[in-house]
Every structure is written in C-alpha cells, then in structure tokens.
Amino acid sequence: MSDNQFDNFTKGSEAEQNENYVLRLYITGMSPNCRRAVENTKNICEKYLKDKYILEIIDLYQELHVAALDQIIAAPTLVKALPAPKKIIIGDMSNTEKVLKALGIILS
C-alpha cells in the first residue's frame, strides 16, 4: 500500500467530517469466495452507502504486511474503520442483513 493510500485511512477526522464509511476488504487473490465478497461488498456499498463510503480492496497476496494493521487472520474480511466503533466481518458478505447490522446501517 502506498503512503497516499494509507493516508486515506489515517485521516479519520476528514472521513468523519464527510460522514463517510471507511471500509477495507481483505482478500486472497480472486478465489470464488473472494470474488463473491468483492461483488457483494460493492453492491451493498452502492445500494446503502451511495457516495458516502471509501472502500479499499487489499489482496493479502500482494500486501501481506498490511494485514497487521487490522489483525487479519482470515480472508475475505471486511473492516469498518469509520464511523466508530470498528467492526470486522468475515465471509463472502452474502448475508446482507448481517453486513448492514455490522456497519450500523440497520439495528438488530
């Protein structure tokens, strides 16, 4: 990850002021499960967070060192960095209701 990409996730106050969701999706290549996670996450973001999110897709095969940032132990994993509290969702993001609850878009 370049310094500029990392800056997007360390300037939390800027994202909070814009009320953006800051999301990182960790994948391992384009396995069928990871491909589904990418597609499902993008669809959820476009449908429920239109113009209010920053999504970074991180391939752990390419940038393994970045996994330490969020203590990633499995992939695919979606991390909601902002707004607080931080949430971690593991899987292909096919359970839309579970993802929306974790993102705080709908309440239990």
N, C-alpha and C. Protein backbone atom coordinates (compact mmCIF):
# COMPACT_ATOMS: atom_id res chain seq x y z
N MET A 1 0.85 -1.17 0.00
CA MET A 1 0.00 0.00 0.00
C MET A 1 0.89 1.23 0.00
N SER A 2 0.61 2.15 -0.86
CA SER A 2 1.42 3.37 -0.92
C SER A 2 1.09 4.28 0.24
N ASP A 3 1.97 5.25 0.50
CA ASP A 3 1.74 6.20 1.58
C ASP A 3 0.44 6.96 1.37
N ASN A 4 0.13 7.31 0.12
CA ASN A 4 -1.10 8.04 -0.15
C ASN A 4 -2.33 7.21 0.18
N GLN A 5 -2.32 5.93 -0.13
CA GLN A 5 -3.45 5.08 0.19
C GLN A 5 -3.60 4.95 1.70
N PHE A 6 -2.49 4.82 2.40
CA PHE A 6 -2.55 4.68 3.84
C PHE A 6 -3.09 5.96 4.47
N ASP A 7 -2.73 7.11 3.90
CA ASP A 7 -3.21 8.40 4.42
C ASP A 7 -4.72 8.46 4.43
N ASN A 8 -5.37 7.84 3.46
CA ASN A 8 -6.83 7.85 3.41
C ASN A 8 -7.45 7.23 4.65
N PHE A 9 -6.72 6.33 5.29
CA PHE A 9 -7.28 5.64 6.42
C PHE A 9 -6.73 6.14 7.75
N THR A 10 -5.79 7.03 7.73
CA THR A 10 -5.27 7.57 8.97
C THR A 10 -5.83 8.95 9.26
N LYS A 11 -6.46 9.56 8.28
CA LYS A 11 -7.06 10.87 8.47
C LYS A 11 -8.53 10.70 8.81
N GLY A 12 -8.79 10.09 9.94
CA GLY A 12 -10.15 9.79 10.34
C GLY A 12 -11.02 11.02 10.47
N SER A 13 -10.48 12.11 10.96
CA SER A 13 -11.31 13.29 11.15
C SER A 13 -11.88 13.78 9.83
N GLU A 14 -11.12 13.68 8.75
CA GLU A 14 -11.60 14.10 7.44
C GLU A 14 -12.77 13.22 7.00
N ALA A 15 -12.64 11.91 7.18
CA ALA A 15 -13.71 11.00 6.81
C ALA A 15 -14.94 11.22 7.69
N GLU A 16 -14.72 11.46 8.98
CA GLU A 16 -15.84 11.70 9.88
C GLU A 16 -16.58 12.97 9.50
N GLN A 17 -15.85 14.02 9.14
CA GLN A 17 -16.49 15.28 8.77
C GLN A 17 -17.38 15.07 7.55
N ASN A 18 -16.97 14.23 6.65
CA ASN A 18 -17.75 13.95 5.45
C ASN A 18 -18.78 12.85 5.69
N GLU A 19 -18.79 12.29 6.89
CA GLU A 19 -19.69 11.20 7.27
C GLU A 19 -19.52 9.99 6.37
N ASN A 20 -18.32 9.77 5.86
CA ASN A 20 -18.02 8.62 5.03
C ASN A 20 -17.78 7.39 5.88
N TYR A 21 -18.17 6.25 5.33
CA TYR A 21 -17.76 4.98 5.90
C TYR A 21 -16.41 4.66 5.29
N VAL A 22 -15.48 4.26 6.10
CA VAL A 22 -14.16 3.86 5.63
C VAL A 22 -14.08 2.35 5.82
N LEU A 23 -13.98 1.65 4.69
CA LEU A 23 -14.02 0.19 4.68
C LEU A 23 -12.78 -0.37 4.00
N ARG A 24 -12.30 -1.49 4.53
CA ARG A 24 -11.19 -2.21 3.91
C ARG A 24 -11.64 -3.67 3.76
N LEU A 25 -11.57 -4.17 2.55
CA LEU A 25 -11.91 -5.57 2.29
C LEU A 25 -10.62 -6.31 1.98
N TYR A 26 -10.28 -7.25 2.85
CA TYR A 26 -9.07 -8.06 2.68
C TYR A 26 -9.46 -9.34 1.96
N ILE A 27 -8.75 -9.63 0.88
CA ILE A 27 -8.99 -10.84 0.10
C ILE A 27 -7.67 -11.56 -0.14
N THR A 28 -7.77 -12.79 -0.63
CA THR A 28 -6.58 -13.55 -1.02
C THR A 28 -6.77 -13.97 -2.47
N GLY A 29 -6.30 -13.14 -3.36
CA GLY A 29 -6.45 -13.43 -4.77
C GLY A 29 -7.91 -13.32 -5.19
N MET A 30 -8.23 -13.96 -6.29
CA MET A 30 -9.61 -13.91 -6.79
C MET A 30 -10.24 -15.29 -6.78
N SER A 31 -10.15 -15.94 -5.64
CA SER A 31 -10.85 -17.21 -5.47
C SER A 31 -12.35 -16.93 -5.59
N PRO A 32 -13.15 -17.97 -5.82
CA PRO A 32 -14.60 -17.74 -5.92
C PRO A 32 -15.17 -17.04 -4.69
N ASN A 33 -14.72 -17.42 -3.51
CA ASN A 33 -15.21 -16.81 -2.27
C ASN A 33 -14.82 -15.33 -2.20
N CYS A 34 -13.60 -15.01 -2.55
CA CYS A 34 -13.14 -13.62 -2.53
C CYS A 34 -13.83 -12.80 -3.61
N ARG A 35 -14.03 -13.41 -4.76
CA ARG A 35 -14.73 -12.72 -5.85
C ARG A 35 -16.15 -12.34 -5.42
N ARG A 36 -16.83 -13.28 -4.73
CA ARG A 36 -18.18 -13.01 -4.23
C ARG A 36 -18.15 -11.89 -3.19
N ALA A 37 -17.14 -11.92 -2.32
CA ALA A 37 -17.03 -10.88 -1.29
C ALA A 37 -16.87 -9.50 -1.90
N VAL A 38 -16.04 -9.40 -2.95
CA VAL A 38 -15.84 -8.12 -3.62
C VAL A 38 -17.14 -7.66 -4.25
N GLU A 39 -17.80 -8.53 -4.97
CA GLU A 39 -19.04 -8.17 -5.65
C GLU A 39 -20.13 -7.79 -4.64
N ASN A 40 -20.30 -8.62 -3.61
CA ASN A 40 -21.33 -8.34 -2.60
C ASN A 40 -21.06 -7.05 -1.85
N THR A 41 -19.81 -6.80 -1.50
CA THR A 41 -19.46 -5.58 -0.77
C THR A 41 -19.72 -4.35 -1.63
N LYS A 42 -19.30 -4.40 -2.87
CA LYS A 42 -19.54 -3.26 -3.77
C LYS A 42 -21.04 -3.02 -3.93
N ASN A 43 -21.81 -4.09 -4.09
CA ASN A 43 -23.26 -3.93 -4.25
C ASN A 43 -23.90 -3.31 -3.01
N ILE A 44 -23.50 -3.79 -1.84
CA ILE A 44 -24.03 -3.24 -0.59
C ILE A 44 -23.67 -1.76 -0.46
N CYS A 45 -22.43 -1.44 -0.75
CA CYS A 45 -21.99 -0.04 -0.65
C CYS A 45 -22.76 0.86 -1.60
N GLU A 46 -22.93 0.41 -2.83
CA GLU A 46 -23.64 1.23 -3.81
C GLU A 46 -25.12 1.38 -3.48
N LYS A 47 -25.71 0.35 -2.91
CA LYS A 47 -27.14 0.40 -2.61
C LYS A 47 -27.43 1.18 -1.33
N TYR A 48 -26.61 0.97 -0.28
CA TYR A 48 -26.93 1.53 1.03
C TYR A 48 -26.06 2.70 1.45
N LEU A 49 -24.91 2.88 0.82
CA LEU A 49 -23.97 3.94 1.22
C LEU A 49 -23.61 4.86 0.06
N LYS A 50 -24.40 4.91 -0.96
CA LYS A 50 -24.09 5.65 -2.18
C LYS A 50 -23.44 7.00 -1.87
N ASP A 51 -22.23 7.20 -2.41
CA ASP A 51 -21.47 8.45 -2.26
C ASP A 51 -21.07 8.76 -0.82
N LYS A 52 -21.15 7.78 0.08
CA LYS A 52 -20.78 8.01 1.48
C LYS A 52 -19.81 6.95 1.99
N TYR A 53 -18.98 6.44 1.09
CA TYR A 53 -18.04 5.41 1.53
C TYR A 53 -16.73 5.49 0.77
N ILE A 54 -15.71 4.98 1.44
CA ILE A 54 -14.40 4.76 0.83
C ILE A 54 -14.11 3.28 1.03
N LEU A 55 -13.92 2.57 -0.06
CA LEU A 55 -13.67 1.13 0.00
C LEU A 55 -12.31 0.84 -0.60
N GLU A 56 -11.47 0.21 0.19
CA GLU A 56 -10.17 -0.23 -0.33
C GLU A 56 -10.17 -1.75 -0.31
N ILE A 57 -9.82 -2.34 -1.43
CA ILE A 57 -9.72 -3.79 -1.55
C ILE A 57 -8.24 -4.14 -1.50
N ILE A 58 -7.87 -4.96 -0.52
CA ILE A 58 -6.47 -5.28 -0.28
C ILE A 58 -6.26 -6.77 -0.49
N ASP A 59 -5.44 -7.11 -1.47
CA ASP A 59 -5.10 -8.50 -1.74
C ASP A 59 -3.91 -8.87 -0.85
N LEU A 60 -4.14 -9.75 0.08
CA LEU A 60 -3.09 -10.14 1.02
C LEU A 60 -1.91 -10.82 0.35
N TYR A 61 -2.14 -11.41 -0.83
CA TYR A 61 -1.03 -11.99 -1.57
C TYR A 61 -0.08 -10.90 -2.04
N GLN A 62 -0.61 -9.72 -2.30
CA GLN A 62 0.20 -8.60 -2.78
C GLN A 62 0.75 -7.75 -1.64
N GLU A 63 -0.03 -7.64 -0.55
CA GLU A 63 0.33 -6.72 0.53
C GLU A 63 0.10 -7.37 1.90
N LEU A 64 0.76 -8.47 2.13
CA LEU A 64 0.57 -9.22 3.38
C LEU A 64 0.86 -8.38 4.62
N HIS A 65 1.85 -7.49 4.53
CA HIS A 65 2.23 -6.68 5.68
C HIS A 65 1.09 -5.78 6.17
N VAL A 66 0.13 -5.49 5.31
CA VAL A 66 -0.98 -4.61 5.67
C VAL A 66 -1.95 -5.32 6.62
N ALA A 67 -1.98 -6.63 6.59
CA ALA A 67 -2.89 -7.40 7.44
C ALA A 67 -2.69 -7.10 8.92
N ALA A 68 -1.49 -6.76 9.30
CA ALA A 68 -1.22 -6.44 10.70
C ALA A 68 -1.98 -5.20 11.15
N LEU A 69 -2.26 -4.30 10.24
CA LEU A 69 -2.99 -3.08 10.56
C LEU A 69 -4.31 -3.39 11.25
N ASP A 70 -5.03 -4.38 10.74
CA ASP A 70 -6.33 -4.75 11.30
C ASP A 70 -6.33 -6.13 11.94
N GLN A 71 -5.16 -6.72 12.12
CA GLN A 71 -5.01 -8.04 12.73
C GLN A 71 -5.86 -9.09 12.00
N ILE A 72 -5.70 -9.15 10.69
CA ILE A 72 -6.47 -10.06 9.85
C ILE A 72 -5.93 -11.47 9.97
N ILE A 73 -6.83 -12.42 10.21
CA ILE A 73 -6.42 -13.82 10.33
C ILE A 73 -7.14 -14.71 9.32
N ALA A 74 -8.11 -14.15 8.60
CA ALA A 74 -8.86 -14.91 7.60
C ALA A 74 -9.25 -13.98 6.47
N ALA A 75 -9.54 -14.58 5.32
CA ALA A 75 -9.99 -13.76 4.19
C ALA A 75 -11.08 -14.55 3.46
N PRO A 76 -12.07 -13.87 2.95
CA PRO A 76 -12.25 -12.43 2.93
C PRO A 76 -12.72 -11.88 4.29
N THR A 77 -12.25 -10.68 4.60
CA THR A 77 -12.64 -9.98 5.81
C THR A 77 -12.89 -8.52 5.47
N LEU A 78 -14.03 -8.01 5.93
CA LEU A 78 -14.36 -6.61 5.75
C LEU A 78 -14.19 -5.90 7.08
N VAL A 79 -13.45 -4.79 7.06
CA VAL A 79 -13.23 -4.00 8.26
C VAL A 79 -13.88 -2.64 8.06
N LYS A 80 -14.76 -2.29 9.00
CA LYS A 80 -15.33 -0.95 9.02
C LYS A 80 -14.47 -0.15 9.98
N ALA A 81 -13.63 0.73 9.45
CA ALA A 81 -12.76 1.54 10.28
C ALA A 81 -13.49 2.76 10.84
N LEU A 82 -14.33 3.37 10.01
CA LEU A 82 -15.12 4.53 10.42
C LEU A 82 -16.50 4.40 9.83
N PRO A 83 -17.51 4.91 10.46
CA PRO A 83 -17.50 5.55 11.77
C PRO A 83 -17.32 4.52 12.88
N ALA A 84 -16.82 4.98 14.01
CA ALA A 84 -16.62 4.12 15.16
C ALA A 84 -17.97 3.57 15.62
N PRO A 85 -17.97 2.40 16.21
CA PRO A 85 -16.84 1.56 16.56
C PRO A 85 -16.39 0.71 15.37
N LYS A 86 -15.13 0.31 15.42
CA LYS A 86 -14.57 -0.55 14.39
C LYS A 86 -15.28 -1.91 14.44
N LYS A 87 -15.60 -2.44 13.27
CA LYS A 87 -16.26 -3.74 13.17
C LYS A 87 -15.53 -4.59 12.15
N ILE A 88 -15.54 -5.91 12.36
CA ILE A 88 -14.89 -6.86 11.46
C ILE A 88 -15.91 -7.93 11.08
N ILE A 89 -16.03 -8.19 9.79
CA ILE A 89 -16.96 -9.18 9.27
C ILE A 89 -16.16 -10.15 8.41
N ILE A 90 -16.27 -11.43 8.70
CA ILE A 90 -15.54 -12.45 7.94
C ILE A 90 -16.54 -13.21 7.07
N GLY A 91 -16.16 -13.43 5.82
CA GLY A 91 -17.01 -14.22 4.92
C GLY A 91 -17.17 -13.53 3.59
N ASP A 92 -18.10 -14.05 2.78
CA ASP A 92 -18.26 -13.52 1.42
C ASP A 92 -19.28 -12.38 1.33
N MET A 93 -19.77 -11.90 2.45
CA MET A 93 -20.68 -10.76 2.55
C MET A 93 -22.02 -11.04 1.86
N SER A 94 -22.38 -12.33 1.74
CA SER A 94 -23.63 -12.70 1.08
C SER A 94 -24.83 -12.51 2.01
N ASN A 95 -24.61 -12.46 3.32
CA ASN A 95 -25.69 -12.21 4.26
C ASN A 95 -25.81 -10.70 4.45
N THR A 96 -26.58 -10.08 3.57
CA THR A 96 -26.68 -8.62 3.54
C THR A 96 -27.13 -8.06 4.88
N GLU A 97 -28.10 -8.68 5.51
CA GLU A 97 -28.60 -8.18 6.80
C GLU A 97 -27.49 -8.16 7.86
N LYS A 98 -26.70 -9.21 7.91
CA LYS A 98 -25.58 -9.29 8.86
C LYS A 98 -24.58 -8.16 8.59
N VAL A 99 -24.27 -7.93 7.32
CA VAL A 99 -23.31 -6.88 6.96
C VAL A 99 -23.88 -5.51 7.34
N LEU A 100 -25.15 -5.27 7.03
CA LEU A 100 -25.77 -3.98 7.35
C LEU A 100 -25.82 -3.73 8.85
N LYS A 101 -26.06 -4.77 9.63
CA LYS A 101 -26.04 -4.64 11.09
C LYS A 101 -24.64 -4.29 11.58
N ALA A 102 -23.64 -4.98 11.06
CA ALA A 102 -22.26 -4.73 11.47
C ALA A 102 -21.82 -3.32 11.09
N LEU A 103 -22.31 -2.84 9.95
CA LEU A 103 -21.96 -1.49 9.53
C LEU A 103 -22.75 -0.43 10.28
N GLY A 104 -23.76 -0.86 11.03
CA GLY A 104 -24.57 0.08 11.79
C GLY A 104 -25.63 0.77 10.93
N ILE A 105 -25.93 0.20 9.78
CA ILE A 105 -26.92 0.80 8.89
C ILE A 105 -28.32 0.42 9.35
N ILE A 106 -28.48 -0.83 9.84
CA ILE A 106 -29.74 -1.22 10.44
C ILE A 106 -29.45 -1.74 11.84
N LEU A 107 -30.41 -1.59 12.71
CA LEU A 107 -30.26 -2.03 14.09
C LEU A 107 -30.88 -3.41 14.25
N SER A 108 -30.41 -4.14 15.24
CA SER A 108 -30.88 -5.52 15.48
C SER A 108 -32.35 -5.57 15.78
